[in-house]
Amino acid sequence: MAAGLPVETKRFGHTLLITINRPQARNAVNREVAELISTALEELSTDPELLVGVLAGVGGHFCSGVDLKALAAEGFPRIGNRGLAGLTRAELDKPMVAAVEGYAVSGGCELALACDLIVAAESAKFALSEVTKGAVPSEGGVQRLLRKLPRQIAMGMLLTGDPLSAAHAARYGMVNWLAPDGQAIAAGLELADQVGRNAPLAVAAVRQLARETEGHTEAEAWTVQDRIVKPVLDSEDAKEGVAAFQEKRQPVWRGR
């Protein structure tokens, strides 16, 4: 995407960095931002050279949620059945990392929670403050927060609208890495690169397995696991992984 747009993309090897560029609105999501993020996610999905996406914001903030000033004229910036900005309800086939500086509030927090991994600057804060405005988190915030945090902590955030610091989010397991202020994007790209060095078939299978076994009994999960894992174990990449280990070299993944 061209520089100067409200969403910019840049490639770093096999990683696609998607940056919301509306600092004057604390990167609030309007219809144009939503459509551009959705387009970037489609690029990530369809380009075989891209393996991981990183979502970030400029100007010291991640995203302040939906642009309430644009809401009346444009409607909620949901993209089809894929949710806010084409992300929150989508079943993406490649992993996403949220790189959070400053505030991730309401819909912005829901965008971060929809990602597989979260890197946050030390002073970053997360909030689902919809109840303070007479609304309810509608893009996965309630259920995802309850899965990522202890119930009492999550319910406290949801019922008061109070923010959670990055340090506490990391302590409770919601945030994977803490980064110095101003370094969240760099850390997010580093984490994405680490993920991208792994076998893409195996990464995809792990994500699918995590998604499809949620809420299942252990016996049910074994059945799902066998269906998902067997093709990966029979793949050329699995053989390459063993050969590379034995030959003490870096593997060359083919995605098959």
C-alpha atoms as a PDB file:
ATOM      1  CA  MET A   1       0.000   0.000   0.000  1.00  0.00           C
ATOM      2  CA  ALA A   2       1.186   3.521  -0.766  1.00  0.00           C
ATOM      3  CA  ALA A   3       2.701   5.644   1.989  1.00  0.00           C
ATOM      4  CA  GLY A   4       0.350   8.180   3.537  1.00  0.00           C
ATOM      5  CA  LEU A   5      -2.705   5.917   3.539  1.00  0.00           C
ATOM      6  CA  PRO A   6      -4.507   5.349   6.863  1.00  0.00           C
ATOM      7  CA  VAL A   7      -3.169   1.783   6.773  1.00  0.00           C
ATOM      8  CA  GLU A   8       0.330   1.039   5.513  1.00  0.00           C
ATOM      9  CA  THR A   9       1.998  -2.293   4.822  1.00  0.00           C
ATOM     10  CA  LYS A  10       5.643  -3.246   4.595  1.00  0.00           C
ATOM     11  CA  ARG A  11       7.356  -6.574   4.066  1.00  0.00           C
ATOM     12  CA  PHE A  12      10.159  -7.819   6.274  1.00  0.00           C
ATOM     13  CA  GLY A  13      11.251 -11.128   4.770  1.00  0.00           C
ATOM     14  CA  HIS A  14       8.310 -13.499   5.254  1.00  0.00           C
ATOM     15  CA  THR A  15       6.480 -11.069   7.572  1.00  0.00           C
ATOM     16  CA  LEU A  16       3.868  -8.499   6.565  1.00  0.00           C
ATOM     17  CA  LEU A  17       3.712  -5.468   8.874  1.00  0.00           C
ATOM     18  CA  ILE A  18       0.250  -3.849   8.831  1.00  0.00           C
ATOM     19  CA  THR A  19       0.259  -0.418  10.482  1.00  0.00           C
ATOM     20  CA  ILE A  20      -2.766   1.755  11.267  1.00  0.00           C
ATOM     21  CA  ASN A  21      -1.759   5.313  10.383  1.00  0.00           C
ATOM     22  CA  ARG A  22      -4.340   7.649  11.933  1.00  0.00           C
ATOM     23  CA  PRO A  23      -2.407   9.196  14.822  1.00  0.00           C
ATOM     24  CA  GLN A  24      -4.742  12.214  14.920  1.00  0.00           C
ATOM     25  CA  ALA A  25      -7.550   9.811  15.897  1.00  0.00           C
ATOM     26  CA  ARG A  26      -5.404   7.489  18.026  1.00  0.00           C
ATOM     27  CA  ASN A  27      -5.706   4.993  15.171  1.00  0.00           C
ATOM     28  CA  ALA A  28      -9.465   4.613  15.512  1.00  0.00           C
ATOM     29  CA  VAL A  29     -11.008   2.302  12.923  1.00  0.00           C
ATOM     30  CA  ASN A  30     -13.336   3.844  10.348  1.00  0.00           C
ATOM     31  CA  ARG A  31     -14.651   2.154   7.203  1.00  0.00           C
ATOM     32  CA  GLU A  32     -11.542   2.964   5.145  1.00  0.00           C
ATOM     33  CA  VAL A  33      -9.173   1.609   7.796  1.00  0.00           C
ATOM     34  CA  ALA A  34     -11.250  -1.556   8.114  1.00  0.00           C
ATOM     35  CA  GLU A  35     -11.244  -2.163   4.370  1.00  0.00           C
ATOM     36  CA  LEU A  36      -7.504  -1.553   4.080  1.00  0.00           C
ATOM     37  CA  ILE A  37      -6.692  -3.910   6.966  1.00  0.00           C
ATOM     38  CA  SER A  38      -8.940  -6.528   5.376  1.00  0.00           C
ATOM     39  CA  THR A  39      -7.128  -6.088   2.057  1.00  0.00           C
ATOM     40  CA  ALA A  40      -3.771  -6.508   3.793  1.00  0.00           C
ATOM     41  CA  LEU A  41      -4.981  -9.682   5.508  1.00  0.00           C
ATOM     42  CA  GLU A  42      -6.050 -11.022   2.125  1.00  0.00           C
ATOM     43  CA  GLU A  43      -2.546 -10.304   0.803  1.00  0.00           C
ATOM     44  CA  LEU A  44      -1.078 -12.181   3.761  1.00  0.00           C
ATOM     45  CA  SER A  45      -3.383 -15.135   3.146  1.00  0.00           C
ATOM     46  CA  THR A  46      -2.853 -15.469  -0.598  1.00  0.00           C
ATOM     47  CA  ASP A  47       0.878 -14.767  -0.950  1.00  0.00           C
ATOM     48  CA  PRO A  48       2.872 -17.981  -0.330  1.00  0.00           C
ATOM     49  CA  GLU A  49       5.988 -15.934   0.444  1.00  0.00           C
ATOM     50  CA  LEU A  50       4.270 -14.340   3.448  1.00  0.00           C
ATOM     51  CA  LEU A  51       4.056 -16.498   6.574  1.00  0.00           C
ATOM     52  CA  VAL A  52       3.212 -14.173   9.489  1.00  0.00           C
ATOM     53  CA  GLY A  53       1.430 -10.843   9.945  1.00  0.00           C
ATOM     54  CA  VAL A  54       2.102  -8.102  12.501  1.00  0.00           C
ATOM     55  CA  LEU A  55      -0.583  -5.527  13.344  1.00  0.00           C
ATOM     56  CA  ALA A  56       0.524  -2.214  14.865  1.00  0.00           C
ATOM     57  CA  GLY A  57      -0.317   1.481  15.115  1.00  0.00           C
ATOM     58  CA  VAL A  58       1.681   4.691  14.722  1.00  0.00           C
ATOM     59  CA  GLY A  59       2.001   7.681  17.024  1.00  0.00           C
ATOM     60  CA  GLY A  60       2.479   5.823  20.289  1.00  0.00           C
ATOM     61  CA  HIS A  61      -0.892   4.055  20.315  1.00  0.00           C
ATOM     62  CA  PHE A  62      -2.152   0.750  18.970  1.00  0.00           C
ATOM     63  CA  CYS A  63      -5.835   1.493  18.381  1.00  0.00           C
ATOM     64  CA  SER A  64      -8.549   3.356  20.284  1.00  0.00           C
ATOM     65  CA  GLY A  65     -11.339   1.232  18.827  1.00  0.00           C
ATOM     66  CA  VAL A  66     -14.085   2.115  16.387  1.00  0.00           C
ATOM     67  CA  ASP A  67     -14.188   5.740  15.209  1.00  0.00           C
ATOM     68  CA  LEU A  68     -17.356   6.910  16.961  1.00  0.00           C
ATOM     69  CA  LYS A  69     -17.432  10.133  14.936  1.00  0.00           C
ATOM     70  CA  ALA A  70     -17.705   8.118  11.718  1.00  0.00           C
ATOM     71  CA  LEU A  71     -20.067   5.482  13.093  1.00  0.00           C
ATOM     72  CA  ALA A  72     -23.345   7.255  12.337  1.00  0.00           C
ATOM     73  CA  ALA A  73     -22.436   8.004   8.728  1.00  0.00           C
ATOM     74  CA  GLU A  74     -20.508   4.832   7.865  1.00  0.00           C
ATOM     75  CA  GLY A  75     -21.961   2.154  10.120  1.00  0.00           C
ATOM     76  CA  PHE A  76     -19.924  -0.331  12.131  1.00  0.00           C
ATOM     77  CA  PRO A  77     -16.691  -1.107  10.217  1.00  0.00           C
ATOM     78  CA  ARG A  78     -17.288  -4.840  10.039  1.00  0.00           C
ATOM     79  CA  ILE A  79     -16.144  -6.604   6.870  1.00  0.00           C
ATOM     80  CA  GLY A  80     -18.683  -9.230   5.843  1.00  0.00           C
ATOM     81  CA  ASN A  81     -18.704 -12.177   8.223  1.00  0.00           C
ATOM     82  CA  ARG A  82     -15.048 -11.622   9.169  1.00  0.00           C
ATOM     83  CA  GLY A  83     -15.749  -9.038  11.827  1.00  0.00           C
ATOM     84  CA  LEU A  84     -14.088  -5.749  12.716  1.00  0.00           C
ATOM     85  CA  ALA A  85     -11.532  -4.847  10.039  1.00  0.00           C
ATOM     86  CA  GLY A  86     -11.885  -8.353   8.615  1.00  0.00           C
ATOM     87  CA  LEU A  87     -10.009  -9.808  11.591  1.00  0.00           C
ATOM     88  CA  THR A  88     -12.026 -10.406  14.754  1.00  0.00           C
ATOM     89  CA  ARG A  89     -14.331 -13.115  13.347  1.00  0.00           C
ATOM     90  CA  ALA A  90     -12.032 -14.453  10.638  1.00  0.00           C
ATOM     91  CA  GLU A  91     -10.350 -17.849  10.644  1.00  0.00           C
ATOM     92  CA  LEU A  92      -7.007 -16.715   9.284  1.00  0.00           C
ATOM     93  CA  ASP A  93      -4.761 -19.394   7.855  1.00  0.00           C
ATOM     94  CA  LYS A  94      -1.559 -17.642   8.985  1.00  0.00           C
ATOM     95  CA  PRO A  95      -0.535 -16.403  12.437  1.00  0.00           C
ATOM     96  CA  MET A  96      -0.884 -12.786  13.535  1.00  0.00           C
ATOM     97  CA  VAL A  97       1.123 -10.840  16.112  1.00  0.00           C
ATOM     98  CA  ALA A  98      -0.244  -7.667  17.740  1.00  0.00           C
ATOM     99  CA  ALA A  99       2.486  -5.108  18.516  1.00  0.00           C
ATOM    100  CA  VAL A 100       0.911  -2.787  21.083  1.00  0.00           C
ATOM    101  CA  GLU A 101       2.171   0.648  22.091  1.00  0.00           C
ATOM    102  CA  GLY A 102       0.075   2.948  24.253  1.00  0.00           C
ATOM    103  CA  TYR A 103      -3.615   2.137  24.401  1.00  0.00           C
ATOM    104  CA  ALA A 104      -5.501  -0.814  22.917  1.00  0.00           C
ATOM    105  CA  VAL A 105      -9.046   0.174  23.831  1.00  0.00           C
ATOM    106  CA  SER A 106     -12.451  -1.367  23.070  1.00  0.00           C
ATOM    107  CA  GLY A 107     -12.355  -2.487  19.424  1.00  0.00           C
ATOM    108  CA  GLY A 108      -8.597  -1.938  19.478  1.00  0.00           C
ATOM    109  CA  CYS A 109      -8.287  -4.373  22.356  1.00  0.00           C
ATOM    110  CA  GLU A 110     -10.505  -6.815  20.463  1.00  0.00           C
ATOM    111  CA  LEU A 111      -8.189  -6.582  17.445  1.00  0.00           C
ATOM    112  CA  ALA A 112      -5.216  -7.417  19.673  1.00  0.00           C
ATOM    113  CA  LEU A 113      -7.073 -10.300  21.329  1.00  0.00           C
ATOM    114  CA  ALA A 114      -7.927 -11.719  17.892  1.00  0.00           C
ATOM    115  CA  CYS A 115      -4.218 -12.132  17.138  1.00  0.00           C
ATOM    116  CA  ASP A 116      -2.344 -15.320  18.032  1.00  0.00           C
ATOM    117  CA  LEU A 117       0.401 -13.523  19.951  1.00  0.00           C
ATOM    118  CA  ILE A 118       0.722 -10.126  21.650  1.00  0.00           C
ATOM    119  CA  VAL A 119       3.846  -8.043  22.195  1.00  0.00           C
ATOM    120  CA  ALA A 120       3.326  -4.929  24.304  1.00  0.00           C
ATOM    121  CA  ALA A 121       5.402  -1.928  25.295  1.00  0.00           C
ATOM    122  CA  GLU A 122       5.950  -1.650  29.034  1.00  0.00           C
ATOM    123  CA  SER A 123       3.575   1.314  29.399  1.00  0.00           C
ATOM    124  CA  ALA A 124       0.850  -0.123  27.147  1.00  0.00           C
ATOM    125  CA  LYS A 125      -2.666  -0.564  28.495  1.00  0.00           C
ATOM    126  CA  PHE A 126      -5.578  -2.766  27.449  1.00  0.00           C
ATOM    127  CA  ALA A 127      -9.221  -1.913  28.087  1.00  0.00           C
ATOM    128  CA  LEU A 128     -12.694  -3.036  27.087  1.00  0.00           C
ATOM    129  CA  SER A 129     -14.514   0.091  28.190  1.00  0.00           C
ATOM    130  CA  GLU A 130     -17.788  -0.377  26.293  1.00  0.00           C
ATOM    131  CA  VAL A 131     -19.918  -0.498  29.465  1.00  0.00           C
ATOM    132  CA  THR A 132     -18.898   3.087  30.257  1.00  0.00           C
ATOM    133  CA  LYS A 133     -20.526   4.142  26.966  1.00  0.00           C
ATOM    134  CA  GLY A 134     -23.669   2.023  27.257  1.00  0.00           C
ATOM    135  CA  ALA A 135     -22.380  -0.671  24.912  1.00  0.00           C
ATOM    136  CA  VAL A 136     -21.035  -4.232  25.053  1.00  0.00           C
ATOM    137  CA  PRO A 137     -17.862  -5.640  23.432  1.00  0.00           C
ATOM    138  CA  SER A 138     -19.275  -7.254  20.298  1.00  0.00           C
ATOM    139  CA  GLU A 139     -16.183  -8.471  18.434  1.00  0.00           C
ATOM    140  CA  GLY A 140     -14.992 -11.308  20.643  1.00  0.00           C
ATOM    141  CA  GLY A 141     -13.669  -9.262  23.541  1.00  0.00           C
ATOM    142  CA  VAL A 142     -15.690 -10.928  26.300  1.00  0.00           C
ATOM    143  CA  GLN A 143     -15.044 -14.540  25.375  1.00  0.00           C
ATOM    144  CA  ARG A 144     -11.405 -14.051  24.407  1.00  0.00           C
ATOM    145  CA  LEU A 145     -10.583 -12.055  27.526  1.00  0.00           C
ATOM    146  CA  LEU A 146     -12.118 -14.774  29.704  1.00  0.00           C
ATOM    147  CA  ARG A 147      -9.929 -17.357  27.953  1.00  0.00           C
ATOM    148  CA  LYS A 148      -6.725 -15.345  28.270  1.00  0.00           C
ATOM    149  CA  LEU A 149      -7.037 -14.026  31.844  1.00  0.00           C
ATOM    150  CA  PRO A 150      -8.146 -15.403  35.215  1.00  0.00           C
ATOM    151  CA  ARG A 151     -11.916 -15.007  35.394  1.00  0.00           C
ATOM    152  CA  GLN A 152     -11.954 -12.465  38.228  1.00  0.00           C
ATOM    153  CA  ILE A 153      -9.404 -10.246  36.491  1.00  0.00           C
ATOM    154  CA  ALA A 154     -11.291 -10.422  33.189  1.00  0.00           C
ATOM    155  CA  MET A 155     -14.663  -9.745  34.812  1.00  0.00           C
ATOM    156  CA  GLY A 156     -13.187  -6.789  36.675  1.00  0.00           C
ATOM    157  CA  MET A 157     -12.040  -5.270  33.391  1.00  0.00           C
ATOM    158  CA  LEU A 158     -15.343  -5.986  31.654  1.00  0.00           C
ATOM    159  CA  LEU A 159     -17.621  -4.666  34.403  1.00  0.00           C
ATOM    160  CA  THR A 160     -15.631  -1.544  35.320  1.00  0.00           C
ATOM    161  CA  GLY A 161     -14.060  -0.635  31.978  1.00  0.00           C
ATOM    162  CA  ASP A 162     -10.769  -0.079  33.802  1.00  0.00           C
ATOM    163  CA  PRO A 163      -7.533  -0.670  31.864  1.00  0.00           C
ATOM    164  CA  LEU A 164      -5.063  -3.481  32.507  1.00  0.00           C
ATOM    165  CA  SER A 165      -1.373  -2.627  32.370  1.00  0.00           C
ATOM    166  CA  ALA A 166       0.942  -4.501  30.029  1.00  0.00           C
ATOM    167  CA  ALA A 167       2.915  -5.750  33.036  1.00  0.00           C
ATOM    168  CA  HIS A 168      -0.187  -7.321  34.577  1.00  0.00           C
ATOM    169  CA  ALA A 169      -1.307  -8.658  31.190  1.00  0.00           C
ATOM    170  CA  ALA A 170       2.077 -10.357  30.813  1.00  0.00           C
ATOM    171  CA  ARG A 171       1.969 -11.698  34.370  1.00  0.00           C
ATOM    172  CA  TYR A 172      -1.415 -13.315  33.726  1.00  0.00           C
ATOM    173  CA  GLY A 173      -0.349 -14.716  30.345  1.00  0.00           C
ATOM    174  CA  MET A 174      -2.289 -12.477  27.958  1.00  0.00           C
ATOM    175  CA  VAL A 175       0.878 -10.806  26.631  1.00  0.00           C
ATOM    176  CA  ASN A 176       3.729 -12.952  25.309  1.00  0.00           C
ATOM    177  CA  TRP A 177       6.564 -10.423  25.366  1.00  0.00           C
ATOM    178  CA  LEU A 178       7.128  -7.055  27.019  1.00  0.00           C
ATOM    179  CA  ALA A 179       9.247  -4.530  25.117  1.00  0.00           C
ATOM    180  CA  PRO A 180      10.714  -1.149  26.067  1.00  0.00           C
ATOM    181  CA  ASP A 181       8.470   1.761  25.132  1.00  0.00           C
ATOM    182  CA  GLY A 182       8.836   2.555  21.447  1.00  0.00           C
ATOM    183  CA  GLN A 183      10.122  -0.946  20.645  1.00  0.00           C
ATOM    184  CA  ALA A 184       6.904  -2.959  20.394  1.00  0.00           C
ATOM    185  CA  ILE A 185       6.959  -3.119  16.593  1.00  0.00           C
ATOM    186  CA  ALA A 186      10.605  -4.206  16.527  1.00  0.00           C
ATOM    187  CA  ALA A 187       9.843  -6.880  19.120  1.00  0.00           C
ATOM    188  CA  GLY A 188       6.739  -7.947  17.214  1.00  0.00           C
ATOM    189  CA  LEU A 189       8.760  -8.356  14.034  1.00  0.00           C
ATOM    190  CA  GLU A 190      11.355 -10.362  15.954  1.00  0.00           C
ATOM    191  CA  LEU A 191       8.697 -12.685  17.338  1.00  0.00           C
ATOM    192  CA  ALA A 192       7.081 -13.006  13.900  1.00  0.00           C
ATOM    193  CA  ASP A 193      10.448 -13.891  12.382  1.00  0.00           C
ATOM    194  CA  GLN A 194      10.918 -16.605  14.997  1.00  0.00           C
ATOM    195  CA  VAL A 195       7.517 -18.082  14.135  1.00  0.00           C
ATOM    196  CA  GLY A 196       8.192 -17.738  10.410  1.00  0.00           C
ATOM    197  CA  ARG A 197      11.378 -19.803  10.623  1.00  0.00           C
ATOM    198  CA  ASN A 198       9.325 -22.851  11.587  1.00  0.00           C
ATOM    199  CA  ALA A 199       7.674 -25.282   9.184  1.00  0.00           C
ATOM    200  CA  PRO A 200       4.555 -23.568   7.793  1.00  0.00           C
ATOM    201  CA  LEU A 201       2.522 -26.785   7.641  1.00  0.00           C
ATOM    202  CA  ALA A 202       3.307 -27.498  11.288  1.00  0.00           C
ATOM    203  CA  VAL A 203       2.488 -23.935  12.354  1.00  0.00           C
ATOM    204  CA  ALA A 204      -0.836 -24.078  10.511  1.00  0.00           C
ATOM    205  CA  ALA A 205      -1.658 -27.447  12.074  1.00  0.00           C
ATOM    206  CA  VAL A 206      -0.906 -26.214  15.599  1.00  0.00           C
ATOM    207  CA  ARG A 207      -3.210 -23.220  15.092  1.00  0.00           C
ATOM    208  CA  GLN A 208      -5.954 -25.414  13.641  1.00  0.00           C
ATOM    209  CA  LEU A 209      -5.594 -27.925  16.466  1.00  0.00           C
ATOM    210  CA  ALA A 210      -5.769 -25.200  19.114  1.00  0.00           C
ATOM    211  CA  ARG A 211      -8.896 -23.781  17.484  1.00  0.00           C
ATOM    212  CA  GLU A 212     -10.753 -27.027  16.833  1.00  0.00           C
ATOM    213  CA  THR A 213     -10.098 -28.743  20.175  1.00  0.00           C
ATOM    214  CA  GLU A 214     -11.253 -25.820  22.302  1.00  0.00           C
ATOM    215  CA  GLY A 215     -14.154 -26.893  24.484  1.00  0.00           C
ATOM    216  CA  HIS A 216     -13.784 -30.576  23.581  1.00  0.00           C
ATOM    217  CA  THR A 217     -13.295 -33.426  26.016  1.00  0.00           C
ATOM    218  CA  GLU A 218      -9.857 -35.027  26.027  1.00  0.00           C
ATOM    219  CA  ALA A 219     -11.194 -38.061  24.149  1.00  0.00           C
ATOM    220  CA  GLU A 220     -12.751 -35.846  21.475  1.00  0.00           C
ATOM    221  CA  ALA A 221      -9.541 -33.824  21.208  1.00  0.00           C
ATOM    222  CA  TRP A 222      -7.519 -36.951  20.403  1.00  0.00           C
ATOM    223  CA  THR A 223      -9.771 -37.674  17.424  1.00  0.00           C
ATOM    224  CA  VAL A 224      -9.420 -34.121  16.144  1.00  0.00           C
ATOM    225  CA  GLN A 225      -5.658 -34.203  16.698  1.00  0.00           C
ATOM    226  CA  ASP A 226      -5.157 -37.420  14.733  1.00  0.00           C
ATOM    227  CA  ARG A 227      -7.046 -35.984  11.760  1.00  0.00           C
ATOM    228  CA  ILE A 228      -5.018 -32.761  11.715  1.00  0.00           C
ATOM    229  CA  VAL A 229      -1.573 -34.069  12.642  1.00  0.00           C
ATOM    230  CA  LYS A 230      -1.246 -37.155  10.418  1.00  0.00           C
ATOM    231  CA  PRO A 231      -0.883 -35.278   7.090  1.00  0.00           C
ATOM    232  CA  VAL A 232       1.829 -33.084   8.628  1.00  0.00           C
ATOM    233  CA  LEU A 233       3.796 -36.052   9.962  1.00  0.00           C
ATOM    234  CA  ASP A 234       3.605 -37.655   6.505  1.00  0.00           C
ATOM    235  CA  SER A 235       4.749 -34.479   4.720  1.00  0.00           C
ATOM    236  CA  GLU A 236       8.029 -33.732   2.965  1.00  0.00           C
ATOM    237  CA  ASP A 237       8.655 -30.985   5.525  1.00  0.00           C
ATOM    238  CA  ALA A 238       8.540 -33.506   8.380  1.00  0.00           C
ATOM    239  CA  LYS A 239      11.179 -35.604   6.633  1.00  0.00           C
ATOM    240  CA  GLU A 240      13.229 -32.473   5.956  1.00  0.00           C
ATOM    241  CA  GLY A 241      13.069 -31.494   9.630  1.00  0.00           C
ATOM    242  CA  VAL A 242      14.531 -34.837  10.719  1.00  0.00           C
ATOM    243  CA  ALA A 243      17.189 -34.765   7.984  1.00  0.00           C
ATOM    244  CA  ALA A 244      18.247 -31.206   8.841  1.00  0.00           C
ATOM    245  CA  PHE A 245      18.554 -32.108  12.523  1.00  0.00           C
ATOM    246  CA  GLN A 246      20.680 -35.159  11.751  1.00  0.00           C
ATOM    247  CA  GLU A 247      22.864 -33.230   9.303  1.00  0.00           C
ATOM    248  CA  LYS A 248      23.191 -30.243  11.681  1.00  0.00           C
ATOM    249  CA  ARG A 249      21.931 -27.684   9.162  1.00  0.00           C
ATOM    250  CA  GLN A 250      19.011 -25.307   8.800  1.00  0.00           C
ATOM    251  CA  PRO A 251      15.908 -26.925   7.290  1.00  0.00           C
ATOM    252  CA  VAL A 252      14.539 -25.793   3.944  1.00  0.00           C
ATOM    253  CA  TRP A 253      10.755 -25.876   4.180  1.00  0.00           C
ATOM    254  CA  ARG A 254       8.676 -26.532   1.061  1.00  0.00           C
ATOM    255  CA  GLY A 255       5.223 -26.300   2.569  1.00  0.00           C
ATOM    256  CA  ARG A 256       4.336 -29.780   1.391  1.00  0.00           C
END
